[in-house]
Amino acid sequence: VMGWLSRLTAGNPFGFLFGLGAFVVTNLVWFIMVRMSLDAVHGK
């Protein structure tokens, strides 16, 4: 979704905002999955 919105708005100010949003959302998912993987190896 974020990638599609970023491409759709490429070339205007909203393109940068959606690109930034994609970066934040993607890293939020990575952050949660890293935390879950650490919980697993720590036995939580």
Full PDB file with SEQRES, HELIX, SHEET, SSBOND, CRYST1, ORIGX, SCALE, CONECT and MASTER records, all heavy atoms in Angstrom:
SEQRES   1 A   44  VAL MET GLY TRP LEU SER ARG LEU THR ALA GLY ASN PRO          
SEQRES   2 A   44  PHE GLY PHE LEU PHE GLY LEU GLY ALA PHE VAL VAL THR          
SEQRES   3 A   44  ASN LEU VAL TRP PHE ILE MET VAL ARG MET SER LEU ASP          
SEQRES   4 A   44  ALA VAL HIS GLY LYS                                          
HELIX    1 AA1 MET A    2  LEU A    8  1                                   7    
HELIX    2 AA2 PRO A   13  VAL A   41  1                                  29    
CRYST1    1.000    1.000    1.000  90.00  90.00  90.00 P 1           1          
ORIGX1      1.000000  0.000000  0.000000        0.00000                         
ORIGX2      0.000000  1.000000  0.000000        0.00000                         
ORIGX3      0.000000  0.000000  1.000000        0.00000                         
SCALE1      1.000000  0.000000  0.000000        0.00000                         
SCALE2      0.000000  1.000000  0.000000        0.00000                         
SCALE3      0.000000  0.000000  1.000000        0.00000                         
ATOM      1  N   VAL A   1       0.830  -1.212   0.000  1.00  0.00           N  
ATOM      2  CA  VAL A   1       0.000   0.000   0.000  1.00  0.00           C  
ATOM      3  C   VAL A   1       0.860   1.256   0.000  1.00  0.00           C  
ATOM      4  O   VAL A   1       0.644   2.175  -0.805  1.00  0.00           O  
ATOM      5  CB  VAL A   1      -0.960   0.001   1.202  1.00  0.00           C  
ATOM      6  CG1 VAL A   1      -1.677   1.356   1.315  1.00  0.00           C  
ATOM      7  CG2 VAL A   1      -1.981  -1.114   1.077  1.00  0.00           C  
ATOM      8  N   MET A   2       1.855   1.297   0.906  1.00  0.00           N  
ATOM      9  CA  MET A   2       2.691   2.495   0.991  1.00  0.00           C  
ATOM     10  C   MET A   2       3.536   2.668  -0.260  1.00  0.00           C  
ATOM     11  O   MET A   2       3.750   3.790  -0.734  1.00  0.00           O  
ATOM     12  CB  MET A   2       3.582   2.418   2.232  1.00  0.00           C  
ATOM     13  CG  MET A   2       2.813   2.406   3.552  1.00  0.00           C  
ATOM     14  SD  MET A   2       1.707   3.838   3.774  1.00  0.00           S  
ATOM     15  CE  MET A   2       2.899   5.178   3.867  1.00  0.00           C  
ATOM     16  N   GLY A   3       4.027   1.559  -0.815  1.00  0.00           N  
ATOM     17  CA  GLY A   3       4.792   1.651  -2.060  1.00  0.00           C  
ATOM     18  C   GLY A   3       3.941   2.149  -3.213  1.00  0.00           C  
ATOM     19  O   GLY A   3       4.384   2.963  -4.030  1.00  0.00           O  
ATOM     20  N   TRP A   4       2.695   1.671  -3.273  1.00  0.00           N  
ATOM     21  CA  TRP A   4       1.779   2.097  -4.330  1.00  0.00           C  
ATOM     22  C   TRP A   4       1.463   3.582  -4.205  1.00  0.00           C  
ATOM     23  O   TRP A   4       1.476   4.324  -5.201  1.00  0.00           O  
ATOM     24  CB  TRP A   4       0.492   1.278  -4.251  1.00  0.00           C  
ATOM     25  CG  TRP A   4      -0.545   1.694  -5.250  1.00  0.00           C  
ATOM     26  CD1 TRP A   4      -0.559   1.457  -6.593  1.00  0.00           C  
ATOM     27  CD2 TRP A   4      -1.734   2.449  -4.973  1.00  0.00           C  
ATOM     28  NE1 TRP A   4      -1.669   2.002  -7.177  1.00  0.00           N  
ATOM     29  CE2 TRP A   4      -2.412   2.620  -6.209  1.00  0.00           C  
ATOM     30  CE3 TRP A   4      -2.279   2.976  -3.809  1.00  0.00           C  
ATOM     31  CZ2 TRP A   4      -3.614   3.323  -6.295  1.00  0.00           C  
ATOM     32  CZ3 TRP A   4      -3.483   3.678  -3.894  1.00  0.00           C  
ATOM     33  CH2 TRP A   4      -4.131   3.838  -5.127  1.00  0.00           C  
ATOM     34  N   LEU A   5       1.208   4.037  -2.988  1.00  0.00           N  
ATOM     35  CA  LEU A   5       0.910   5.450  -2.773  1.00  0.00           C  
ATOM     36  C   LEU A   5       2.121   6.324  -3.096  1.00  0.00           C  
ATOM     37  O   LEU A   5       1.980   7.413  -3.656  1.00  0.00           O  
ATOM     38  CB  LEU A   5       0.482   5.681  -1.324  1.00  0.00           C  
ATOM     39  CG  LEU A   5      -0.904   5.150  -0.938  1.00  0.00           C  
ATOM     40  CD1 LEU A   5      -1.133   5.285   0.556  1.00  0.00           C  
ATOM     41  CD2 LEU A   5      -1.996   5.872  -1.713  1.00  0.00           C  
ATOM     42  N   SER A   6       3.318   5.829  -2.743  1.00  0.00           N  
ATOM     43  CA  SER A   6       4.542   6.578  -3.036  1.00  0.00           C  
ATOM     44  C   SER A   6       4.748   6.738  -4.536  1.00  0.00           C  
ATOM     45  O   SER A   6       5.095   7.818  -5.021  1.00  0.00           O  
ATOM     46  CB  SER A   6       5.741   5.870  -2.393  1.00  0.00           C  
ATOM     47  OG  SER A   6       6.938   6.569  -2.653  1.00  0.00           O  
ATOM     48  N   ARG A   7       4.521   5.654  -5.296  1.00  0.00           N  
ATOM     49  CA  ARG A   7       4.662   5.737  -6.758  1.00  0.00           C  
ATOM     50  C   ARG A   7       3.572   6.593  -7.378  1.00  0.00           C  
ATOM     51  O   ARG A   7       3.814   7.340  -8.334  1.00  0.00           O  
ATOM     52  CB  ARG A   7       4.637   4.333  -7.359  1.00  0.00           C  
ATOM     53  CG  ARG A   7       5.862   3.490  -7.053  1.00  0.00           C  
ATOM     54  CD  ARG A   7       5.876   2.213  -7.864  1.00  0.00           C  
ATOM     55  NE  ARG A   7       4.753   1.353  -7.536  1.00  0.00           N  
ATOM     56  CZ  ARG A   7       4.757   0.449  -6.576  1.00  0.00           C  
ATOM     57  NH1 ARG A   7       5.836   0.294  -5.825  1.00  0.00           N  
ATOM     58  NH2 ARG A   7       3.707  -0.306  -6.350  1.00  0.00           N  
ATOM     59  N   LEU A   8       2.375   6.508  -6.829  1.00  0.00           N  
ATOM     60  CA  LEU A   8       1.246   7.266  -7.359  1.00  0.00           C  
ATOM     61  C   LEU A   8       1.466   8.762  -7.226  1.00  0.00           C  
ATOM     62  O   LEU A   8       1.023   9.545  -8.076  1.00  0.00           O  
ATOM     63  CB  LEU A   8      -0.040   6.858  -6.625  1.00  0.00           C  
ATOM     64  CG  LEU A   8      -1.355   7.415  -7.164  1.00  0.00           C  
ATOM     65  CD1 LEU A   8      -1.654   6.844  -8.547  1.00  0.00           C  
ATOM     66  CD2 LEU A   8      -2.505   7.107  -6.202  1.00  0.00           C  
ATOM     67  N   THR A   9       2.154   9.155  -6.155  1.00  0.00           N  
ATOM     68  CA  THR A   9       2.352  10.586  -5.883  1.00  0.00           C  
ATOM     69  C   THR A   9       3.772  11.034  -6.212  1.00  0.00           C  
ATOM     70  O   THR A   9       4.207  12.103  -5.763  1.00  0.00           O  
ATOM     71  CB  THR A   9       2.041  10.886  -4.412  1.00  0.00           C  
ATOM     72  OG1 THR A   9       2.855  10.039  -3.578  1.00  0.00           O  
ATOM     73  CG2 THR A   9       0.585  10.629  -4.098  1.00  0.00           C  
ATOM     74  N   ALA A  10       4.516  10.218  -6.963  1.00  0.00           N  
ATOM     75  CA  ALA A  10       5.888  10.578  -7.322  1.00  0.00           C  
ATOM     76  C   ALA A  10       5.906  11.889  -8.093  1.00  0.00           C  
ATOM     77  O   ALA A  10       5.065  12.138  -8.964  1.00  0.00           O  
ATOM     78  CB  ALA A  10       6.516   9.469  -8.166  1.00  0.00           C  
ATOM     79  N   GLY A  11       6.855  12.744  -7.764  1.00  0.00           N  
ATOM     80  CA  GLY A  11       6.983  14.017  -8.469  1.00  0.00           C  
ATOM     81  C   GLY A  11       6.271  15.167  -7.800  1.00  0.00           C  
ATOM     82  O   GLY A  11       6.340  16.301  -8.280  1.00  0.00           O  
ATOM     83  N   ASN A  12       5.562  14.923  -6.708  1.00  0.00           N  
ATOM     84  CA  ASN A  12       4.943  16.023  -5.968  1.00  0.00           C  
ATOM     85  C   ASN A  12       5.270  15.862  -4.486  1.00  0.00           C  
ATOM     86  O   ASN A  12       5.786  14.821  -4.059  1.00  0.00           O  
ATOM     87  CB  ASN A  12       3.424  16.064  -6.217  1.00  0.00           C  
ATOM     88  CG  ASN A  12       2.716  14.818  -5.709  1.00  0.00           C  
ATOM     89  OD1 ASN A  12       2.783  14.499  -4.532  1.00  0.00           O  
ATOM     90  ND2 ASN A  12       2.039  14.098  -6.608  1.00  0.00           N  
ATOM     91  N   PRO A  13       5.013  16.881  -3.669  1.00  0.00           N  
ATOM     92  CA  PRO A  13       5.397  16.832  -2.246  1.00  0.00           C  
ATOM     93  C   PRO A  13       4.844  15.633  -1.500  1.00  0.00           C  
ATOM     94  O   PRO A  13       5.470  15.138  -0.559  1.00  0.00           O  
ATOM     95  CB  PRO A  13       4.825  18.140  -1.687  1.00  0.00           C  
ATOM     96  CG  PRO A  13       4.771  19.052  -2.866  1.00  0.00           C  
ATOM     97  CD  PRO A  13       4.436  18.181  -4.029  1.00  0.00           C  
ATOM     98  N   PHE A  14       3.664  15.153  -1.904  1.00  0.00           N  
ATOM     99  CA  PHE A  14       3.088  14.001  -1.209  1.00  0.00           C  
ATOM    100  C   PHE A  14       3.904  12.739  -1.439  1.00  0.00           C  
ATOM    101  O   PHE A  14       3.878  11.815  -0.629  1.00  0.00           O  
ATOM    102  CB  PHE A  14       1.642  13.790  -1.664  1.00  0.00           C  
ATOM    103  CG  PHE A  14       0.702  14.854  -1.181  1.00  0.00           C  
ATOM    104  CD1 PHE A  14       0.232  15.827  -2.053  1.00  0.00           C  
ATOM    105  CD2 PHE A  14       0.306  14.897   0.142  1.00  0.00           C  
ATOM    106  CE1 PHE A  14      -0.630  16.813  -1.609  1.00  0.00           C  
ATOM    107  CE2 PHE A  14      -0.553  15.885   0.598  1.00  0.00           C  
ATOM    108  CZ  PHE A  14      -1.027  16.838  -0.283  1.00  0.00           C  
ATOM    109  N   GLY A  15       4.631  12.691  -2.560  1.00  0.00           N  
ATOM    110  CA  GLY A  15       5.457  11.531  -2.838  1.00  0.00           C  
ATOM    111  C   GLY A  15       6.514  11.340  -1.761  1.00  0.00           C  
ATOM    112  O   GLY A  15       6.752  10.220  -1.304  1.00  0.00           O  
ATOM    113  N   PHE A  16       7.145  12.428  -1.362  1.00  0.00           N  
ATOM    114  CA  PHE A  16       8.154  12.347  -0.295  1.00  0.00           C  
ATOM    115  C   PHE A  16       7.526  11.891   1.019  1.00  0.00           C  
ATOM    116  O   PHE A  16       8.083  11.058   1.734  1.00  0.00           O  
ATOM    117  CB  PHE A  16       8.821  13.707  -0.104  1.00  0.00           C  
ATOM    118  CG  PHE A  16       9.703  13.776   1.118  1.00  0.00           C  
ATOM    119  CD1 PHE A  16      10.964  13.194   1.101  1.00  0.00           C  
ATOM    120  CD2 PHE A  16       9.263  14.405   2.277  1.00  0.00           C  
ATOM    121  CE1 PHE A  16      11.777  13.242   2.234  1.00  0.00           C  
ATOM    122  CE2 PHE A  16      10.064  14.451   3.401  1.00  0.00           C  
ATOM    123  CZ  PHE A  16      11.334  13.870   3.379  1.00  0.00           C  
ATOM    124  N   LEU A  17       6.352  12.420   1.337  1.00  0.00           N  
ATOM    125  CA  LEU A  17       5.681  12.070   2.582  1.00  0.00           C  
ATOM    126  C   LEU A  17       5.304  10.599   2.621  1.00  0.00           C  
ATOM    127  O   LEU A  17       5.477   9.922   3.633  1.00  0.00           O  
ATOM    128  CB  LEU A  17       4.438  12.943   2.768  1.00  0.00           C  
ATOM    129  CG  LEU A  17       4.685  14.433   3.014  1.00  0.00           C  
ATOM    130  CD1 LEU A  17       3.368  15.191   3.097  1.00  0.00           C  
ATOM    131  CD2 LEU A  17       5.499  14.638   4.288  1.00  0.00           C  
ATOM    132  N   PHE A  18       4.779  10.101   1.492  1.00  0.00           N  
ATOM    133  CA  PHE A  18       4.416   8.688   1.449  1.00  0.00           C  
ATOM    134  C   PHE A  18       5.659   7.804   1.462  1.00  0.00           C  
ATOM    135  O   PHE A  18       5.638   6.703   2.027  1.00  0.00           O  
ATOM    136  CB  PHE A  18       3.548   8.387   0.230  1.00  0.00           C  
ATOM    137  CG  PHE A  18       2.113   8.782   0.395  1.00  0.00           C  
ATOM    138  CD1 PHE A  18       1.528   9.701  -0.466  1.00  0.00           C  
ATOM    139  CD2 PHE A  18       1.341   8.240   1.418  1.00  0.00           C  
ATOM    140  CE1 PHE A  18       0.195  10.070  -0.309  1.00  0.00           C  
ATOM    141  CE2 PHE A  18       0.015   8.608   1.576  1.00  0.00           C  
ATOM    142  CZ  PHE A  18      -0.570   9.524   0.707  1.00  0.00           C  
ATOM    143  N   GLY A  19       6.744   8.277   0.844  1.00  0.00           N  
ATOM    144  CA  GLY A  19       7.994   7.532   0.899  1.00  0.00           C  
ATOM    145  C   GLY A  19       8.516   7.441   2.327  1.00  0.00           C  
ATOM    146  O   GLY A  19       8.965   6.388   2.771  1.00  0.00           O  
ATOM    147  N   LEU A  20       8.422   8.560   3.040  1.00  0.00           N  
ATOM    148  CA  LEU A  20       8.830   8.588   4.447  1.00  0.00           C  
ATOM    149  C   LEU A  20       7.926   7.676   5.276  1.00  0.00           C  
ATOM    150  O   LEU A  20       8.394   6.940   6.154  1.00  0.00           O  
ATOM    151  CB  LEU A  20       8.770  10.013   4.978  1.00  0.00           C  
ATOM    152  CG  LEU A  20       9.183  10.235   6.434  1.00  0.00           C  
ATOM    153  CD1 LEU A  20      10.641   9.819   6.630  1.00  0.00           C  
ATOM    154  CD2 LEU A  20       8.979  11.699   6.834  1.00  0.00           C  
ATOM    155  N   GLY A  21       6.640   7.723   4.952  1.00  0.00           N  
ATOM    156  CA  GLY A  21       5.688   6.860   5.653  1.00  0.00           C  
ATOM    157  C   GLY A  21       5.990   5.393   5.426  1.00  0.00           C  
ATOM    158  O   GLY A  21       5.899   4.580   6.357  1.00  0.00           O  
ATOM    159  N   ALA A  22       6.360   5.050   4.190  1.00  0.00           N  
ATOM    160  CA  ALA A  22       6.698   3.662   3.873  1.00  0.00           C  
ATOM    161  C   ALA A  22       7.908   3.212   4.681  1.00  0.00           C  
ATOM    162  O   ALA A  22       7.954   2.086   5.180  1.00  0.00           O  
ATOM    163  CB  ALA A  22       6.966   3.519   2.382  1.00  0.00           C  
ATOM    164  N   PHE A  23       8.888   4.104   4.818  1.00  0.00           N  
ATOM    165  CA  PHE A  23      10.089   3.787   5.599  1.00  0.00           C  
ATOM    166  C   PHE A  23       9.735   3.518   7.062  1.00  0.00           C  
ATOM    167  O   PHE A  23      10.199   2.546   7.665  1.00  0.00           O  
ATOM    168  CB  PHE A  23      11.084   4.941   5.497  1.00  0.00           C  
ATOM    169  CG  PHE A  23      12.290   4.797   6.374  1.00  0.00           C  
ATOM    170  CD1 PHE A  23      13.315   3.920   6.038  1.00  0.00           C  
ATOM    171  CD2 PHE A  23      12.405   5.537   7.547  1.00  0.00           C  
ATOM    172  CE1 PHE A  23      14.432   3.785   6.852  1.00  0.00           C  
ATOM    173  CE2 PHE A  23      13.514   5.407   8.366  1.00  0.00           C  
ATOM    174  CZ  PHE A  23      14.534   4.530   8.018  1.00  0.00           C  
ATOM    175  N   VAL A  24       8.897   4.376   7.630  1.00  0.00           N  
ATOM    176  CA  VAL A  24       8.512   4.237   9.039  1.00  0.00           C  
ATOM    177  C   VAL A  24       7.699   2.956   9.253  1.00  0.00           C  
ATOM    178  O   VAL A  24       7.968   2.182  10.178  1.00  0.00           O  
ATOM    179  CB  VAL A  24       7.719   5.467   9.514  1.00  0.00           C  
ATOM    180  CG1 VAL A  24       7.159   5.240  10.919  1.00  0.00           C  
ATOM    181  CG2 VAL A  24       8.592   6.713   9.488  1.00  0.00           C  
ATOM    182  N   VAL A  25       6.707   2.728   8.390  1.00  0.00           N  
ATOM    183  CA  VAL A  25       5.842   1.557   8.550  1.00  0.00           C  
ATOM    184  C   VAL A  25       6.624   0.262   8.364  1.00  0.00           C  
ATOM    185  O   VAL A  25       6.469  -0.702   9.130  1.00  0.00           O  
ATOM    186  CB  VAL A  25       4.654   1.621   7.559  1.00  0.00           C  
ATOM    187  CG1 VAL A  25       3.877   0.311   7.562  1.00  0.00           C  
ATOM    188  CG2 VAL A  25       3.737   2.785   7.921  1.00  0.00           C  
ATOM    189  N   THR A  26       7.482   0.224   7.347  1.00  0.00           N  
ATOM    190  CA  THR A  26       8.289  -0.973   7.100  1.00  0.00           C  
ATOM    191  C   THR A  26       9.176  -1.277   8.294  1.00  0.00           C  
ATOM    192  O   THR A  26       9.279  -2.426   8.740  1.00  0.00           O  
ATOM    193  CB  THR A  26       9.149  -0.794   5.840  1.00  0.00           C  
ATOM    194  OG1 THR A  26       8.299  -0.581   4.717  1.00  0.00           O  
ATOM    195  CG2 THR A  26      10.013  -2.021   5.596  1.00  0.00           C  
ATOM    196  N   ASN A  27       9.803  -0.235   8.839  1.00  0.00           N  
ATOM    197  CA  ASN A  27      10.685  -0.446   9.985  1.00  0.00           C  
ATOM    198  C   ASN A  27       9.915  -0.773  11.248  1.00  0.00           C  
ATOM    199  O   ASN A  27      10.456  -1.443  12.143  1.00  0.00           O  
ATOM    200  CB  ASN A  27      11.584   0.773  10.198  1.00  0.00           C  
ATOM    201  CG  ASN A  27      12.811   0.741   9.313  1.00  0.00           C  
ATOM    202  OD1 ASN A  27      13.789   0.066   9.616  1.00  0.00           O  
ATOM    203  ND2 ASN A  27      12.741   1.460   8.202  1.00  0.00           N  
ATOM    204  N   LEU A  28       8.675  -0.329  11.337  1.00  0.00           N  
ATOM    205  CA  LEU A  28       7.850  -0.721  12.473  1.00  0.00           C  
ATOM    206  C   LEU A  28       7.610  -2.231  12.457  1.00  0.00           C  
ATOM    207  O   LEU A  28       7.706  -2.900  13.496  1.00  0.00           O  
ATOM    208  CB  LEU A  28       6.514   0.028  12.443  1.00  0.00           C  
ATOM    209  CG  LEU A  28       5.505  -0.347  13.534  1.00  0.00           C  
ATOM    210  CD1 LEU A  28       6.088  -0.074  14.919  1.00  0.00           C  
ATOM    211  CD2 LEU A  28       4.196   0.406  13.338  1.00  0.00           C  
ATOM    212  N   VAL A  29       7.313  -2.760  11.279  1.00  0.00           N  
ATOM    213  CA  VAL A  29       7.116  -4.206  11.145  1.00  0.00           C  
ATOM    214  C   VAL A  29       8.411  -4.936  11.483  1.00  0.00           C  
ATOM    215  O   VAL A  29       8.413  -5.937  12.221  1.00  0.00           O  
ATOM    216  CB  VAL A  29       6.643  -4.568   9.723  1.00  0.00           C  
ATOM    217  CG1 VAL A  29       6.602  -6.085   9.534  1.00  0.00           C  
ATOM    218  CG2 VAL A  29       5.276  -3.968   9.446  1.00  0.00           C  
ATOM    219  N   TRP A  30       9.546  -4.438  10.953  1.00  0.00           N  
ATOM    220  CA  TRP A  30      10.833  -5.067  11.257  1.00  0.00           C  
ATOM    221  C   TRP A  30      11.134  -5.021  12.748  1.00  0.00           C  
ATOM    222  O   TRP A  30      11.603  -5.998  13.321  1.00  0.00           O  
ATOM    223  CB  TRP A  30      11.946  -4.362  10.480  1.00  0.00           C  
ATOM    224  CG  TRP A  30      11.890  -4.580   9.002  1.00  0.00           C  
ATOM    225  CD1 TRP A  30      11.107  -5.483   8.334  1.00  0.00           C  
ATOM    226  CD2 TRP A  30      12.624  -3.878   8.003  1.00  0.00           C  
ATOM    227  NE1 TRP A  30      11.309  -5.383   6.990  1.00  0.00           N  
ATOM    228  CE2 TRP A  30      12.228  -4.410   6.745  1.00  0.00           C  
ATOM    229  CE3 TRP A  30      13.561  -2.861   8.033  1.00  0.00           C  
ATOM    230  CZ2 TRP A  30      12.767  -3.959   5.556  1.00  0.00           C  
ATOM    231  CZ3 TRP A  30      14.099  -2.406   6.849  1.00  0.00           C  
ATOM    232  CH2 TRP A  30      13.709  -2.948   5.619  1.00  0.00           C  
ATOM    233  N   PHE A  31      10.854  -3.882  13.377  1.00  0.00           N  
ATOM    234  CA  PHE A  31      11.099  -3.702  14.806  1.00  0.00           C  
ATOM    235  C   PHE A  31      10.331  -4.748  15.613  1.00  0.00           C  
ATOM    236  O   PHE A  31      10.878  -5.396  16.514  1.00  0.00           O  
ATOM    237  CB  PHE A  31      10.672  -2.292  15.210  1.00  0.00           C  
ATOM    238  CG  PHE A  31      10.710  -2.020  16.688  1.00  0.00           C  
ATOM    239  CD1 PHE A  31      11.913  -1.789  17.343  1.00  0.00           C  
ATOM    240  CD2 PHE A  31       9.538  -1.970  17.419  1.00  0.00           C  
ATOM    241  CE1 PHE A  31      11.939  -1.530  18.704  1.00  0.00           C  
ATOM    242  CE2 PHE A  31       9.553  -1.706  18.781  1.00  0.00           C  
ATOM    243  CZ  PHE A  31      10.758  -1.486  19.433  1.00  0.00           C  
ATOM    244  N   ILE A  32       9.063  -4.921  15.276  1.00  0.00           N  
ATOM    245  CA  ILE A  32       8.223  -5.880  16.002  1.00  0.00           C  
ATOM    246  C   ILE A  32       8.708  -7.303  15.775  1.00  0.00           C  
ATOM    247  O   ILE A  32       8.780  -8.116  16.712  1.00  0.00           O  
ATOM    248  CB  ILE A  32       6.750  -5.727  15.581  1.00  0.00           C  
ATOM    249  CG1 ILE A  32       6.205  -4.375  16.080  1.00  0.00           C  
ATOM    250  CG2 ILE A  32       5.905  -6.871  16.128  1.00  0.00           C  
ATOM    251  CD1 ILE A  32       4.810  -4.050  15.588  1.00  0.00           C  
ATOM    252  N   MET A  33       9.092  -7.632  14.541  1.00  0.00           N  
ATOM    253  CA  MET A  33       9.528  -8.991  14.249  1.00  0.00           C  
ATOM    254  C   MET A  33      10.895  -9.287  14.877  1.00  0.00           C  
ATOM    255  O   MET A  33      11.155 -10.430  15.296  1.00  0.00           O  
ATOM    256  CB  MET A  33       9.534  -9.242  12.744  1.00  0.00           C  
ATOM    257  CG  MET A  33       8.151  -9.179  12.133  1.00  0.00           C  
ATOM    258  SD  MET A  33       8.051  -9.711  10.406  1.00  0.00           S  
ATOM    259  CE  MET A  33       7.964 -11.479  10.590  1.00  0.00           C  
ATOM    260  N   VAL A  34      11.756  -8.291  14.956  1.00  0.00           N  
ATOM    261  CA  VAL A  34      13.025  -8.477  15.674  1.00  0.00           C  
ATOM    262  C   VAL A  34      12.749  -8.752  17.138  1.00  0.00           C  
ATOM    263  O   VAL A  34      13.341  -9.653  17.749  1.00  0.00           O  
ATOM    264  CB  VAL A  34      13.932  -7.237  15.512  1.00  0.00           C  
ATOM    265  CG1 VAL A  34      15.085  -7.270  16.513  1.00  0.00           C  
ATOM    266  CG2 VAL A  34      14.493  -7.160  14.098  1.00  0.00           C  
ATOM    267  N   ARG A  35      11.831  -7.986  17.714  1.00  0.00           N  
ATOM    268  CA  ARG A  35      11.496  -8.187  19.125  1.00  0.00           C  
ATOM    269  C   ARG A  35      10.895  -9.581  19.344  1.00  0.00           C  
ATOM    270  O   ARG A  35      11.223 -10.258  20.325  1.00  0.00           O  
ATOM    271  CB  ARG A  35      10.516  -7.111  19.582  1.00  0.00           C  
ATOM    272  CG  ARG A  35      10.161  -7.197  21.056  1.00  0.00           C  
ATOM    273  CD  ARG A  35       9.467  -5.943  21.529  1.00  0.00           C  
ATOM    274  NE  ARG A  35       8.956  -6.115  22.881  1.00  0.00           N  
ATOM    275  CZ  ARG A  35       8.317  -5.163  23.563  1.00  0.00           C  
ATOM    276  NH1 ARG A  35       8.133  -3.971  23.013  1.00  0.00           N  
ATOM    277  NH2 ARG A  35       7.887  -5.381  24.779  1.00  0.00           N  
ATOM    278  N   MET A  36      10.040 -10.018  18.442  1.00  0.00           N  
ATOM    279  CA  MET A  36       9.445 -11.347  18.558  1.00  0.00           C  
ATOM    280  C   MET A  36      10.495 -12.445  18.432  1.00  0.00           C  
ATOM    281  O   MET A  36      10.461 -13.448  19.156  1.00  0.00           O  
ATOM    282  CB  MET A  36       8.347 -11.522  17.503  1.00  0.00           C  
ATOM    283  CG  MET A  36       7.094 -10.695  17.781  1.00  0.00           C  
ATOM    284  SD  MET A  36       5.934 -10.626  16.371  1.00  0.00           S  
ATOM    285  CE  MET A  36       5.496 -12.356  16.197  1.00  0.00           C  
ATOM    286  N   SER A  37      11.442 -12.271  17.523  1.00  0.00           N  
ATOM    287  CA  SER A  37      12.485 -13.281  17.350  1.00  0.00           C  
ATOM    288  C   SER A  37      13.379 -13.348  18.585  1.00  0.00           C  
ATOM    289  O   SER A  37      13.803 -14.439  18.995  1.00  0.00           O  
ATOM    290  CB  SER A  37      13.312 -12.996  16.091  1.00  0.00           C  
ATOM    291  OG  SER A  37      14.082 -11.823  16.236  1.00  0.00           O  
ATOM    292  N   LEU A  38      13.652 -12.200  19.196  1.00  0.00           N  
ATOM    293  CA  LEU A  38      14.450 -12.195  20.421  1.00  0.00           C  
ATOM    294  C   LEU A  38      13.686 -12.830  21.575  1.00  0.00           C  
ATOM    295  O   LEU A  38      14.271 -13.546  22.401  1.00  0.00           O  
ATOM    296  CB  LEU A  38      14.859 -10.762  20.775  1.00  0.00           C  
ATOM    297  CG  LEU A  38      15.942 -10.151  19.874  1.00  0.00           C  
ATOM    298  CD1 LEU A  38      16.131  -8.675  20.193  1.00  0.00           C  
ATOM    299  CD2 LEU A  38      17.263 -10.901  20.028  1.00  0.00           C  
ATOM    300  N   ASP A  39      12.382 -12.588  21.628  1.00  0.00           N  
ATOM    301  CA  ASP A  39      11.565 -13.263  22.642  1.00  0.00           C  
ATOM    302  C   ASP A  39      11.658 -14.780  22.480  1.00  0.00           C  
ATOM    303  O   ASP A  39      11.772 -15.519  23.460  1.00  0.00           O  
ATOM    304  CB  ASP A  39      10.103 -12.817  22.537  1.00  0.00           C  
ATOM    305  CG  ASP A  39       9.860 -11.432  23.116  1.00  0.00           C  
ATOM    306  OD1 ASP A  39      10.733 -10.930  23.851  1.00  0.00           O  
ATOM    307  OD2 ASP A  39       8.793 -10.845  22.833  1.00  0.00           O  
ATOM    308  N   ALA A  40      11.626 -15.236  21.232  1.00  0.00           N  
ATOM    309  CA  ALA A  40      11.685 -16.679  20.968  1.00  0.00           C  
ATOM    310  C   ALA A  40      13.002 -17.275  21.439  1.00  0.00           C  
ATOM    311  O   ALA A  40      13.019 -18.293  22.148  1.00  0.00           O  
ATOM    312  CB  ALA A  40      11.470 -16.950  19.479  1.00  0.00           C  
ATOM    313  N   VAL A  41      14.121 -16.653  21.058  1.00  0.00           N  
ATOM    314  CA  VAL A  41      15.423 -17.234  21.425  1.00  0.00           C  
ATOM    315  C   VAL A  41      15.715 -17.075  22.909  1.00  0.00           C  
ATOM    316  O   VAL A  41      16.540 -17.803  23.474  1.00  0.00           O  
ATOM    317  CB  VAL A  41      16.573 -16.625  20.579  1.00  0.00           C  
ATOM    318  CG1 VAL A  41      16.382 -16.950  19.110  1.00  0.00           C  
ATOM    319  CG2 VAL A  41      16.711 -15.126  20.803  1.00  0.00           C  
ATOM    320  N   HIS A  42      15.039 -16.125  23.575  1.00  0.00           N  
ATOM    321  CA  HIS A  42      15.210 -15.949  25.025  1.00  0.00           C  
ATOM    322  C   HIS A  42      14.245 -16.816  25.821  1.00  0.00           C  
ATOM    323  O   HIS A  42      14.266 -16.795  27.057  1.00  0.00           O  
ATOM    324  CB  HIS A  42      15.005 -14.486  25.403  1.00  0.00           C  
ATOM    325  CG  HIS A  42      16.099 -13.592  24.920  1.00  0.00           C  
ATOM    326  ND1 HIS A  42      15.946 -12.216  24.760  1.00  0.00           N  
ATOM    327  CD2 HIS A  42      17.380 -13.855  24.548  1.00  0.00           C  
ATOM    328  CE1 HIS A  42      17.073 -11.692  24.307  1.00  0.00           C  
ATOM    329  NE2 HIS A  42      17.955 -12.666  24.179  1.00  0.00           N  
ATOM    330  N   GLY A  43      13.376 -17.551  25.107  1.00  0.00           N  
ATOM    331  CA  GLY A  43      12.457 -18.439  25.789  1.00  0.00           C  
ATOM    332  C   GLY A  43      11.219 -17.759  26.344  1.00  0.00           C  
ATOM    333  O   GLY A  43      10.524 -18.327  27.193  1.00  0.00           O  
ATOM    334  N   LYS A  44      10.909 -16.574  25.857  1.00  0.00           N  
ATOM    335  CA  LYS A  44       9.719 -15.858  26.300  1.00  0.00           C  
ATOM    336  C   LYS A  44       8.538 -16.185  25.382  1.00  0.00           C  
ATOM    337  O   LYS A  44       8.739 -16.543  24.226  1.00  0.00           O  
ATOM    338  CB  LYS A  44       9.971 -14.347  26.289  1.00  0.00           C  
ATOM    339  CG  LYS A  44      11.095 -13.892  27.217  1.00  0.00           C  
ATOM    340  CD  LYS A  44      11.310 -12.395  27.099  1.00  0.00           C  
ATOM    341  CE  LYS A  44      12.453 -11.928  27.999  1.00  0.00           C  
ATOM    342  NZ  LYS A  44      12.694 -10.467  27.849  1.00  0.00           N  
TER     343      LYS A  44                                                      
MASTER        0    0    0    2    0    0    0    6  342    1    0    4          
END                                                                             
